[in-house]
Amino acid sequence: SPLKASVGKLPKIAPRQFTPPTAVITNPEPKLAVDPTIVVQP
């Protein structure tokens, strides 16, 4: 994006990531909703 990343909260912490976080929602009604996560020490 030409704009810098916008400020916001961090997603949940998990040992493995399946869905990356996003600030711009491009698919508001996904068929299988999976919460975004990041991999960070607890």
PDB file of all heavy atoms in Angstrom:
ATOM      1  N   SER A   1       0.848  -1.186   0.000  1.00  0.00           N
ATOM      2  CA  SER A   1       0.000   0.000   0.000  1.00  0.00           C
ATOM      3  C   SER A   1       0.888   1.242   0.000  1.00  0.00           C
ATOM      4  O   SER A   1       1.969   1.240   0.613  1.00  0.00           O
ATOM      5  CB  SER A   1      -0.908  -0.002   1.224  1.00  0.00           C
ATOM      6  OG  SER A   1      -1.617   1.228   1.324  1.00  0.00           O
ATOM      7  N   PRO A   2       0.478   2.310  -0.608  1.00  0.00           N
ATOM      8  CA  PRO A   2       1.259   3.545  -0.555  1.00  0.00           C
ATOM      9  C   PRO A   2       1.206   4.218   0.814  1.00  0.00           C
ATOM     10  O   PRO A   2       2.043   5.083   1.104  1.00  0.00           O
ATOM     11  CB  PRO A   2       0.618   4.430  -1.634  1.00  0.00           C
ATOM     12  CG  PRO A   2      -0.779   3.914  -1.782  1.00  0.00           C
ATOM     13  CD  PRO A   2      -0.693   2.450  -1.506  1.00  0.00           C
ATOM     14  N   LEU A   3       0.251   3.815   1.640  1.00  0.00           N
ATOM     15  CA  LEU A   3       0.116   4.402   2.962  1.00  0.00           C
ATOM     16  C   LEU A   3       0.833   3.529   4.000  1.00  0.00           C
ATOM     17  O   LEU A   3       0.905   2.306   3.872  1.00  0.00           O
ATOM     18  CB  LEU A   3      -1.365   4.533   3.340  1.00  0.00           C
ATOM     19  CG  LEU A   3      -2.231   5.392   2.422  1.00  0.00           C
ATOM     20  CD1 LEU A   3      -3.682   5.373   2.884  1.00  0.00           C
ATOM     21  CD2 LEU A   3      -1.693   6.824   2.389  1.00  0.00           C
ATOM     22  N   LYS A   4       1.356   4.166   5.015  1.00  0.00           N
ATOM     23  CA  LYS A   4       1.983   3.418   6.103  1.00  0.00           C
ATOM     24  C   LYS A   4       0.928   2.647   6.876  1.00  0.00           C
ATOM     25  O   LYS A   4      -0.259   2.967   6.836  1.00  0.00           O
ATOM     26  CB  LYS A   4       2.738   4.367   7.033  1.00  0.00           C
ATOM     27  CG  LYS A   4       3.952   5.030   6.389  1.00  0.00           C
ATOM     28  CD  LYS A   4       4.697   5.889   7.396  1.00  0.00           C
ATOM     29  CE  LYS A   4       5.939   6.503   6.761  1.00  0.00           C
ATOM     30  NZ  LYS A   4       6.693   7.353   7.736  1.00  0.00           N
ATOM     31  N   ALA A   5       1.389   1.639   7.612  1.00  0.00           N
ATOM     32  CA  ALA A   5       0.464   0.795   8.375  1.00  0.00           C
ATOM     33  C   ALA A   5      -0.281   1.627   9.408  1.00  0.00           C
ATOM     34  O   ALA A   5       0.305   2.471  10.099  1.00  0.00           O
ATOM     35  CB  ALA A   5       1.223  -0.332   9.057  1.00  0.00           C
ATOM     36  N   SER A   6      -1.563   1.386   9.492  1.00  0.00           N
ATOM     37  CA  SER A   6      -2.399   2.142  10.417  1.00  0.00           C
ATOM     38  C   SER A   6      -2.272   1.563  11.827  1.00  0.00           C
ATOM     39  O   SER A   6      -1.930   0.394  12.029  1.00  0.00           O
ATOM     40  CB  SER A   6      -3.856   2.110   9.957  1.00  0.00           C
ATOM     41  OG  SER A   6      -4.308   0.763   9.841  1.00  0.00           O
ATOM     42  N   VAL A   7      -2.551   2.408  12.816  1.00  0.00           N
ATOM     43  CA  VAL A   7      -2.455   1.987  14.211  1.00  0.00           C
ATOM     44  C   VAL A   7      -3.653   1.102  14.551  1.00  0.00           C
ATOM     45  O   VAL A   7      -4.767   1.268  14.018  1.00  0.00           O
ATOM     46  CB  VAL A   7      -2.385   3.212  15.136  1.00  0.00           C
ATOM     47  CG1 VAL A   7      -3.691   4.024  15.093  1.00  0.00           C
ATOM     48  CG2 VAL A   7      -2.046   2.796  16.559  1.00  0.00           C
ATOM     49  N   GLY A   8      -3.424   0.133  15.426  1.00  0.00           N
ATOM     50  CA  GLY A   8      -4.498  -0.773  15.835  1.00  0.00           C
ATOM     51  C   GLY A   8      -3.986  -1.771  16.862  1.00  0.00           C
ATOM     52  O   GLY A   8      -2.818  -1.743  17.279  1.00  0.00           O
ATOM     53  N   LYS A   9      -4.847  -2.682  17.242  1.00  0.00           N
ATOM     54  CA  LYS A   9      -4.479  -3.675  18.261  1.00  0.00           C
ATOM     55  C   LYS A   9      -3.834  -4.884  17.600  1.00  0.00           C
ATOM     56  O   LYS A   9      -3.989  -5.129  16.395  1.00  0.00           O
ATOM     57  CB  LYS A   9      -5.710  -4.105  19.048  1.00  0.00           C
ATOM     58  CG  LYS A   9      -6.725  -4.882  18.216  1.00  0.00           C
ATOM     59  CD  LYS A   9      -7.904  -5.336  19.056  1.00  0.00           C
ATOM     60  CE  LYS A   9      -8.894  -6.141  18.209  1.00  0.00           C
ATOM     61  NZ  LYS A   9     -10.040  -6.630  19.024  1.00  0.00           N
ATOM     62  N   LEU A  10      -3.137  -5.662  18.402  1.00  0.00           N
ATOM     63  CA  LEU A  10      -2.501  -6.893  17.939  1.00  0.00           C
ATOM     64  C   LEU A  10      -3.486  -8.055  18.016  1.00  0.00           C
ATOM     65  O   LEU A  10      -4.336  -8.108  18.914  1.00  0.00           O
ATOM     66  CB  LEU A  10      -1.266  -7.220  18.788  1.00  0.00           C
ATOM     67  CG  LEU A  10      -0.082  -6.257  18.677  1.00  0.00           C
ATOM     68  CD1 LEU A  10       0.977  -6.619  19.704  1.00  0.00           C
ATOM     69  CD2 LEU A  10       0.503  -6.291  17.271  1.00  0.00           C
ATOM     70  N   PRO A  11      -3.391  -9.007  17.122  1.00  0.00           N
ATOM     71  CA  PRO A  11      -4.251 -10.190  17.217  1.00  0.00           C
ATOM     72  C   PRO A  11      -3.791 -11.131  18.326  1.00  0.00           C
ATOM     73  O   PRO A  11      -2.816 -10.856  19.041  1.00  0.00           O
ATOM     74  CB  PRO A  11      -4.120 -10.823  15.830  1.00  0.00           C
ATOM     75  CG  PRO A  11      -2.774 -10.411  15.362  1.00  0.00           C
ATOM     76  CD  PRO A  11      -2.536  -9.043  15.930  1.00  0.00           C
ATOM     77  N   LYS A  12      -4.470 -12.225  18.444  1.00  0.00           N
ATOM     78  CA  LYS A  12      -4.132 -13.205  19.482  1.00  0.00           C
ATOM     79  C   LYS A  12      -2.780 -13.852  19.187  1.00  0.00           C
ATOM     80  O   LYS A  12      -2.346 -13.937  18.047  1.00  0.00           O
ATOM     81  CB  LYS A  12      -5.208 -14.284  19.566  1.00  0.00           C
ATOM     82  CG  LYS A  12      -6.551 -13.784  20.052  1.00  0.00           C
ATOM     83  CD  LYS A  12      -7.512 -14.941  20.304  1.00  0.00           C
ATOM     84  CE  LYS A  12      -7.746 -15.748  19.044  1.00  0.00           C
ATOM     85  NZ  LYS A  12      -8.743 -16.827  19.278  1.00  0.00           N
ATOM     86  N   ILE A  13      -2.146 -14.304  20.257  1.00  0.00           N
ATOM     87  CA  ILE A  13      -0.866 -15.007  20.143  1.00  0.00           C
ATOM     88  C   ILE A  13      -1.138 -16.502  20.041  1.00  0.00           C
ATOM     89  O   ILE A  13      -1.972 -17.052  20.767  1.00  0.00           O
ATOM     90  CB  ILE A  13       0.024 -14.711  21.364  1.00  0.00           C
ATOM     91  CG1 ILE A  13       0.379 -13.220  21.405  1.00  0.00           C
ATOM     92  CG2 ILE A  13       1.287 -15.563  21.351  1.00  0.00           C
ATOM     93  CD1 ILE A  13       1.117 -12.818  22.650  1.00  0.00           C
ATOM     94  N   ALA A  14      -0.446 -17.168  19.154  1.00  0.00           N
ATOM     95  CA  ALA A  14      -0.617 -18.606  18.951  1.00  0.00           C
ATOM     96  C   ALA A  14       0.730 -19.223  18.601  1.00  0.00           C
ATOM     97  O   ALA A  14       1.635 -18.542  18.115  1.00  0.00           O
ATOM     98  CB  ALA A  14      -1.636 -18.873  17.836  1.00  0.00           C
ATOM     99  N   PRO A  15       0.910 -20.527  18.870  1.00  0.00           N
ATOM    100  CA  PRO A  15       2.181 -21.167  18.522  1.00  0.00           C
ATOM    101  C   PRO A  15       2.393 -21.337  17.028  1.00  0.00           C
ATOM    102  O   PRO A  15       3.511 -21.577  16.585  1.00  0.00           O
ATOM    103  CB  PRO A  15       2.088 -22.530  19.222  1.00  0.00           C
ATOM    104  CG  PRO A  15       0.628 -22.780  19.375  1.00  0.00           C
ATOM    105  CD  PRO A  15      -0.005 -21.448  19.568  1.00  0.00           C
ATOM    106  N   ARG A  16       1.321 -21.211  16.254  1.00  0.00           N
ATOM    107  CA  ARG A  16       1.437 -21.350  14.807  1.00  0.00           C
ATOM    108  C   ARG A  16       0.385 -20.459  14.147  1.00  0.00           C
ATOM    109  O   ARG A  16      -0.724 -20.309  14.656  1.00  0.00           O
ATOM    110  CB  ARG A  16       1.229 -22.808  14.390  1.00  0.00           C
ATOM    111  CG  ARG A  16       1.427 -23.064  12.901  1.00  0.00           C
ATOM    112  CD  ARG A  16       1.429 -24.549  12.610  1.00  0.00           C
ATOM    113  NE  ARG A  16       2.527 -25.222  13.295  1.00  0.00           N
ATOM    114  CZ  ARG A  16       2.756 -26.533  13.207  1.00  0.00           C
ATOM    115  NH1 ARG A  16       1.946 -27.299  12.485  1.00  0.00           N
ATOM    116  NH2 ARG A  16       3.776 -27.072  13.847  1.00  0.00           N
ATOM    117  N   GLN A  17       0.770 -19.887  13.020  1.00  0.00           N
ATOM    118  CA  GLN A  17      -0.139 -18.969  12.328  1.00  0.00           C
ATOM    119  C   GLN A  17      -0.806 -19.664  11.146  1.00  0.00           C
ATOM    120  O   GLN A  17      -0.147 -20.320  10.332  1.00  0.00           O
ATOM    121  CB  GLN A  17       0.617 -17.739  11.826  1.00  0.00           C
ATOM    122  CG  GLN A  17      -0.289 -16.672  11.204  1.00  0.00           C
ATOM    123  CD  GLN A  17       0.494 -15.534  10.567  1.00  0.00           C
ATOM    124  OE1 GLN A  17       1.086 -15.712   9.511  1.00  0.00           O
ATOM    125  NE2 GLN A  17       0.511 -14.374  11.226  1.00  0.00           N
ATOM    126  N   PHE A  18      -2.134 -19.518  11.087  1.00  0.00           N
ATOM    127  CA  PHE A  18      -2.903 -20.022   9.946  1.00  0.00           C
ATOM    128  C   PHE A  18      -3.457 -18.884   9.089  1.00  0.00           C
ATOM    129  O   PHE A  18      -3.561 -19.013   7.872  1.00  0.00           O
ATOM    130  CB  PHE A  18      -4.064 -20.907  10.422  1.00  0.00           C
ATOM    131  CG  PHE A  18      -3.615 -22.174  11.080  1.00  0.00           C
ATOM    132  CD1 PHE A  18      -3.538 -22.272  12.455  1.00  0.00           C
ATOM    133  CD2 PHE A  18      -3.263 -23.269  10.316  1.00  0.00           C
ATOM    134  CE1 PHE A  18      -3.114 -23.446  13.057  1.00  0.00           C
ATOM    135  CE2 PHE A  18      -2.836 -24.450  10.902  1.00  0.00           C
ATOM    136  CZ  PHE A  18      -2.766 -24.534  12.283  1.00  0.00           C
ATOM    137  N   THR A  19      -3.795 -17.779   9.756  1.00  0.00           N
ATOM    138  CA  THR A  19      -4.324 -16.625   9.033  1.00  0.00           C
ATOM    139  C   THR A  19      -3.578 -15.377   9.479  1.00  0.00           C
ATOM    140  O   THR A  19      -3.542 -15.075  10.678  1.00  0.00           O
ATOM    141  CB  THR A  19      -5.821 -16.443   9.308  1.00  0.00           C
ATOM    142  OG1 THR A  19      -6.519 -17.619   8.912  1.00  0.00           O
ATOM    143  CG2 THR A  19      -6.376 -15.247   8.533  1.00  0.00           C
ATOM    144  N   PRO A  20      -2.929 -14.636   8.561  1.00  0.00           N
ATOM    145  CA  PRO A  20      -2.218 -13.412   8.953  1.00  0.00           C
ATOM    146  C   PRO A  20      -3.214 -12.297   9.279  1.00  0.00           C
ATOM    147  O   PRO A  20      -4.339 -12.270   8.762  1.00  0.00           O
ATOM    148  CB  PRO A  20      -1.385 -13.079   7.720  1.00  0.00           C
ATOM    149  CG  PRO A  20      -2.119 -13.699   6.591  1.00  0.00           C
ATOM    150  CD  PRO A  20      -2.767 -14.933   7.127  1.00  0.00           C
ATOM    151  N   PRO A  21      -2.794 -11.360  10.127  1.00  0.00           N
ATOM    152  CA  PRO A  21      -3.700 -10.240  10.443  1.00  0.00           C
ATOM    153  C   PRO A  21      -3.810  -9.270   9.267  1.00  0.00           C
ATOM    154  O   PRO A  21      -2.919  -9.195   8.414  1.00  0.00           O
ATOM    155  CB  PRO A  21      -3.022  -9.588  11.651  1.00  0.00           C
ATOM    156  CG  PRO A  21      -1.575  -9.916  11.477  1.00  0.00           C
ATOM    157  CD  PRO A  21      -1.523 -11.267  10.842  1.00  0.00           C
ATOM    158  N   THR A  22      -4.882  -8.515   9.260  1.00  0.00           N
ATOM    159  CA  THR A  22      -5.081  -7.523   8.212  1.00  0.00           C
ATOM    160  C   THR A  22      -5.877  -6.349   8.764  1.00  0.00           C
ATOM    161  O   THR A  22      -6.768  -6.530   9.594  1.00  0.00           O
ATOM    162  CB  THR A  22      -5.821  -8.127   7.003  1.00  0.00           C
ATOM    163  OG1 THR A  22      -6.011  -7.110   5.998  1.00  0.00           O
ATOM    164  CG2 THR A  22      -7.172  -8.705   7.389  1.00  0.00           C
ATOM    165  N   ALA A  23      -5.512  -5.165   8.327  1.00  0.00           N
ATOM    166  CA  ALA A  23      -6.243  -3.964   8.732  1.00  0.00           C
ATOM    167  C   ALA A  23      -7.319  -3.598   7.722  1.00  0.00           C
ATOM    168  O   ALA A  23      -8.267  -2.879   8.046  1.00  0.00           O
ATOM    169  CB  ALA A  23      -5.276  -2.786   8.907  1.00  0.00           C
ATOM    170  N   VAL A  24      -7.170  -4.061   6.484  1.00  0.00           N
ATOM    171  CA  VAL A  24      -8.132  -3.789   5.423  1.00  0.00           C
ATOM    172  C   VAL A  24      -8.868  -5.089   5.121  1.00  0.00           C
ATOM    173  O   VAL A  24      -8.264  -6.072   4.662  1.00  0.00           O
ATOM    174  CB  VAL A  24      -7.447  -3.248   4.158  1.00  0.00           C
ATOM    175  CG1 VAL A  24      -8.481  -2.998   3.073  1.00  0.00           C
ATOM    176  CG2 VAL A  24      -6.674  -1.969   4.469  1.00  0.00           C
ATOM    177  N   ILE A  25     -10.144  -5.152   5.394  1.00  0.00           N
ATOM    178  CA  ILE A  25     -10.929  -6.366   5.200  1.00  0.00           C
ATOM    179  C   ILE A  25     -11.401  -6.397   3.748  1.00  0.00           C
ATOM    180  O   ILE A  25     -12.181  -5.550   3.314  1.00  0.00           O
ATOM    181  CB  ILE A  25     -12.124  -6.401   6.166  1.00  0.00           C
ATOM    182  CG1 ILE A  25     -11.627  -6.373   7.611  1.00  0.00           C
ATOM    183  CG2 ILE A  25     -12.985  -7.636   5.915  1.00  0.00           C
ATOM    184  CD1 ILE A  25     -12.728  -6.304   8.637  1.00  0.00           C
ATOM    185  N   THR A  26     -10.924  -7.368   3.004  1.00  0.00           N
ATOM    186  CA  THR A  26     -11.312  -7.516   1.601  1.00  0.00           C
ATOM    187  C   THR A  26     -12.374  -8.584   1.408  1.00  0.00           C
ATOM    188  O   THR A  26     -13.020  -8.609   0.361  1.00  0.00           O
ATOM    189  CB  THR A  26     -10.076  -7.881   0.762  1.00  0.00           C
ATOM    190  OG1 THR A  26      -9.499  -9.087   1.266  1.00  0.00           O
ATOM    191  CG2 THR A  26      -9.048  -6.757   0.822  1.00  0.00           C
ATOM    192  N   ASN A  27     -12.558  -9.462   2.380  1.00  0.00           N
ATOM    193  CA  ASN A  27     -13.574 -10.516   2.268  1.00  0.00           C
ATOM    194  C   ASN A  27     -14.388 -10.514   3.563  1.00  0.00           C
ATOM    195  O   ASN A  27     -14.083 -11.231   4.519  1.00  0.00           O
ATOM    196  CB  ASN A  27     -12.915 -11.874   2.057  1.00  0.00           C
ATOM    197  CG  ASN A  27     -13.949 -12.970   1.801  1.00  0.00           C
ATOM    198  OD1 ASN A  27     -15.137 -12.692   1.608  1.00  0.00           O
ATOM    199  ND2 ASN A  27     -13.490 -14.218   1.809  1.00  0.00           N
ATOM    200  N   PRO A  28     -15.436  -9.703   3.624  1.00  0.00           N
ATOM    201  CA  PRO A  28     -16.188  -9.564   4.872  1.00  0.00           C
ATOM    202  C   PRO A  28     -16.954 -10.824   5.270  1.00  0.00           C
ATOM    203  O   PRO A  28     -17.283 -11.003   6.434  1.00  0.00           O
ATOM    204  CB  PRO A  28     -17.150  -8.405   4.574  1.00  0.00           C
ATOM    205  CG  PRO A  28     -17.287  -8.390   3.104  1.00  0.00           C
ATOM    206  CD  PRO A  28     -15.973  -8.848   2.550  1.00  0.00           C
ATOM    207  N   GLU A  29     -17.277 -11.708   4.318  1.00  0.00           N
ATOM    208  CA  GLU A  29     -18.056 -12.913   4.615  1.00  0.00           C
ATOM    209  C   GLU A  29     -17.326 -14.150   4.085  1.00  0.00           C
ATOM    210  O   GLU A  29     -17.693 -14.725   3.052  1.00  0.00           O
ATOM    211  CB  GLU A  29     -19.456 -12.806   4.016  1.00  0.00           C
ATOM    212  CG  GLU A  29     -20.293 -11.673   4.606  1.00  0.00           C
ATOM    213  CD  GLU A  29     -21.683 -11.605   3.983  1.00  0.00           C
ATOM    214  OE1 GLU A  29     -21.954 -12.445   3.084  1.00  0.00           O
ATOM    215  OE2 GLU A  29     -22.478 -10.749   4.383  1.00  0.00           O
ATOM    216  N   PRO A  30     -16.249 -14.564   4.769  1.00  0.00           N
ATOM    217  CA  PRO A  30     -15.529 -15.754   4.292  1.00  0.00           C
ATOM    218  C   PRO A  30     -16.328 -17.021   4.567  1.00  0.00           C
ATOM    219  O   PRO A  30     -17.165 -17.082   5.468  1.00  0.00           O
ATOM    220  CB  PRO A  30     -14.242 -15.722   5.112  1.00  0.00           C
ATOM    221  CG  PRO A  30     -14.619 -15.023   6.374  1.00  0.00           C
ATOM    222  CD  PRO A  30     -15.642 -13.987   5.969  1.00  0.00           C
ATOM    223  N   LYS A  31     -16.091 -18.067   3.748  1.00  0.00           N
ATOM    224  CA  LYS A  31     -16.784 -19.334   3.947  1.00  0.00           C
ATOM    225  C   LYS A  31     -16.327 -20.034   5.227  1.00  0.00           C
ATOM    226  O   LYS A  31     -17.116 -20.702   5.893  1.00  0.00           O
ATOM    227  CB  LYS A  31     -16.543 -20.238   2.741  1.00  0.00           C
ATOM    228  CG  LYS A  31     -17.182 -19.712   1.459  1.00  0.00           C
ATOM    229  CD  LYS A  31     -16.950 -20.691   0.308  1.00  0.00           C
ATOM    230  CE  LYS A  31     -17.591 -20.179  -0.969  1.00  0.00           C
ATOM    231  NZ  LYS A  31     -17.400 -21.119  -2.109  1.00  0.00           N
ATOM    232  N   LEU A  32     -15.052 -19.900   5.550  1.00  0.00           N
ATOM    233  CA  LEU A  32     -14.516 -20.492   6.770  1.00  0.00           C
ATOM    234  C   LEU A  32     -13.725 -19.419   7.502  1.00  0.00           C
ATOM    235  O   LEU A  32     -12.616 -19.070   7.082  1.00  0.00           O
ATOM    236  CB  LEU A  32     -13.614 -21.702   6.457  1.00  0.00           C
ATOM    237  CG  LEU A  32     -12.997 -22.412   7.676  1.00  0.00           C
ATOM    238  CD1 LEU A  32     -14.088 -22.977   8.584  1.00  0.00           C
ATOM    239  CD2 LEU A  32     -12.067 -23.520   7.224  1.00  0.00           C
ATOM    240  N   ALA A  33     -14.329 -18.897   8.550  1.00  0.00           N
ATOM    241  CA  ALA A  33     -13.697 -17.810   9.297  1.00  0.00           C
ATOM    242  C   ALA A  33     -12.662 -18.380  10.270  1.00  0.00           C
ATOM    243  O   ALA A  33     -12.968 -19.269  11.061  1.00  0.00           O
ATOM    244  CB  ALA A  33     -14.744 -16.994  10.041  1.00  0.00           C
ATOM    245  N   VAL A  34     -11.434 -17.868  10.176  1.00  0.00           N
ATOM    246  CA  VAL A  34     -10.351 -18.267  11.080  1.00  0.00           C
ATOM    247  C   VAL A  34      -9.750 -16.999  11.667  1.00  0.00           C
ATOM    248  O   VAL A  34      -9.400 -16.070  10.925  1.00  0.00           O
ATOM    249  CB  VAL A  34      -9.272 -19.090  10.343  1.00  0.00           C
ATOM    250  CG1 VAL A  34      -8.143 -19.467  11.315  1.00  0.00           C
ATOM    251  CG2 VAL A  34      -9.880 -20.327   9.707  1.00  0.00           C
ATOM    252  N   ASP A  35      -9.636 -16.978  12.983  1.00  0.00           N
ATOM    253  CA  ASP A  35      -9.103 -15.783  13.636  1.00  0.00           C
ATOM    254  C   ASP A  35      -7.634 -15.588  13.266  1.00  0.00           C
ATOM    255  O   ASP A  35      -6.840 -16.535  13.274  1.00  0.00           O
ATOM    256  CB  ASP A  35      -9.221 -15.915  15.159  1.00  0.00           C
ATOM    257  CG  ASP A  35     -10.667 -15.895  15.618  1.00  0.00           C
ATOM    258  OD1 ASP A  35     -11.508 -15.340  14.892  1.00  0.00           O
ATOM    259  OD2 ASP A  35     -10.946 -16.450  16.704  1.00  0.00           O
ATOM    260  N   PRO A  36      -7.245 -14.351  12.957  1.00  0.00           N
ATOM    261  CA  PRO A  36      -5.828 -14.084  12.660  1.00  0.00           C
ATOM    262  C   PRO A  36      -4.982 -14.169  13.927  1.00  0.00           C
ATOM    263  O   PRO A  36      -5.451 -13.856  15.031  1.00  0.00           O
ATOM    264  CB  PRO A  36      -5.854 -12.667  12.084  1.00  0.00           C
ATOM    265  CG  PRO A  36      -7.084 -12.043  12.655  1.00  0.00           C
ATOM    266  CD  PRO A  36      -8.086 -13.144  12.803  1.00  0.00           C
ATOM    267  N   THR A  37      -3.740 -14.563  13.756  1.00  0.00           N
ATOM    268  CA  THR A  37      -2.828 -14.715  14.893  1.00  0.00           C
ATOM    269  C   THR A  37      -1.424 -14.278  14.491  1.00  0.00           C
ATOM    270  O   THR A  37      -1.117 -14.138  13.305  1.00  0.00           O
ATOM    271  CB  THR A  37      -2.767 -16.178  15.375  1.00  0.00           C
ATOM    272  OG1 THR A  37      -2.349 -17.003  14.288  1.00  0.00           O
ATOM    273  CG2 THR A  37      -4.109 -16.655  15.893  1.00  0.00           C
ATOM    274  N   ILE A  38      -0.587 -14.064  15.498  1.00  0.00           N
ATOM    275  CA  ILE A  38       0.845 -13.874  15.296  1.00  0.00           C
ATOM    276  C   ILE A  38       1.578 -14.837  16.243  1.00  0.00           C
ATOM    277  O   ILE A  38       1.029 -15.271  17.261  1.00  0.00           O
ATOM    278  CB  ILE A  38       1.294 -12.421  15.574  1.00  0.00           C
ATOM    279  CG1 ILE A  38       0.869 -11.973  16.972  1.00  0.00           C
ATOM    280  CG2 ILE A  38       0.748 -11.481  14.509  1.00  0.00           C
ATOM    281  CD1 ILE A  38       1.384 -10.594  17.370  1.00  0.00           C
ATOM    282  N   VAL A  39       2.808 -15.175  15.903  1.00  0.00           N
ATOM    283  CA  VAL A  39       3.599 -16.117  16.689  1.00  0.00           C
ATOM    284  C   VAL A  39       4.580 -15.315  17.545  1.00  0.00           C
ATOM    285  O   VAL A  39       5.585 -14.809  17.038  1.00  0.00           O
ATOM    286  CB  VAL A  39       4.337 -17.118  15.777  1.00  0.00           C
ATOM    287  CG1 VAL A  39       5.147 -18.097  16.623  1.00  0.00           C
ATOM    288  CG2 VAL A  39       3.359 -17.852  14.881  1.00  0.00           C
ATOM    289  N   VAL A  40       4.267 -15.198  18.834  1.00  0.00           N
ATOM    290  CA  VAL A  40       5.067 -14.420  19.774  1.00  0.00           C
ATOM    291  C   VAL A  40       5.128 -15.199  21.082  1.00  0.00           C
ATOM    292  O   VAL A  40       4.156 -15.879  21.455  1.00  0.00           O
ATOM    293  CB  VAL A  40       4.464 -13.014  20.001  1.00  0.00           C
ATOM    294  CG1 VAL A  40       5.252 -12.243  21.059  1.00  0.00           C
ATOM    295  CG2 VAL A  40       4.441 -12.237  18.702  1.00  0.00           C
ATOM    296  N   GLN A  41       6.255 -15.108  21.773  1.00  0.00           N
ATOM    297  CA  GLN A  41       6.372 -15.753  23.078  1.00  0.00           C
ATOM    298  C   GLN A  41       5.331 -15.182  24.041  1.00  0.00           C
ATOM    299  O   GLN A  41       5.053 -13.994  24.040  1.00  0.00           O
ATOM    300  CB  GLN A  41       7.785 -15.602  23.653  1.00  0.00           C
ATOM    301  CG  GLN A  41       8.253 -14.170  23.831  1.00  0.00           C
ATOM    302  CD  GLN A  41       8.983 -13.647  22.610  1.00  0.00           C
ATOM    303  OE1 GLN A  41       8.586 -13.939  21.487  1.00  0.00           O
ATOM    304  NE2 GLN A  41      10.039 -12.875  22.838  1.00  0.00           N
ATOM    305  N   PRO A  42       4.723 -16.067  24.892  1.00  0.00           N
ATOM    306  CA  PRO A  42       3.611 -15.606  25.744  1.00  0.00           C
ATOM    307  C   PRO A  42       4.000 -14.517  26.735  1.00  0.00           C
ATOM    308  O   PRO A  42       3.155 -13.698  27.103  1.00  0.00           O
ATOM    309  CB  PRO A  42       3.188 -16.895  26.478  1.00  0.00           C
ATOM    310  CG  PRO A  42       3.673 -18.007  25.622  1.00  0.00           C
ATOM    311  CD  PRO A  42       4.930 -17.512  24.984  1.00  0.00           C
TER     312      PRO A  42
END
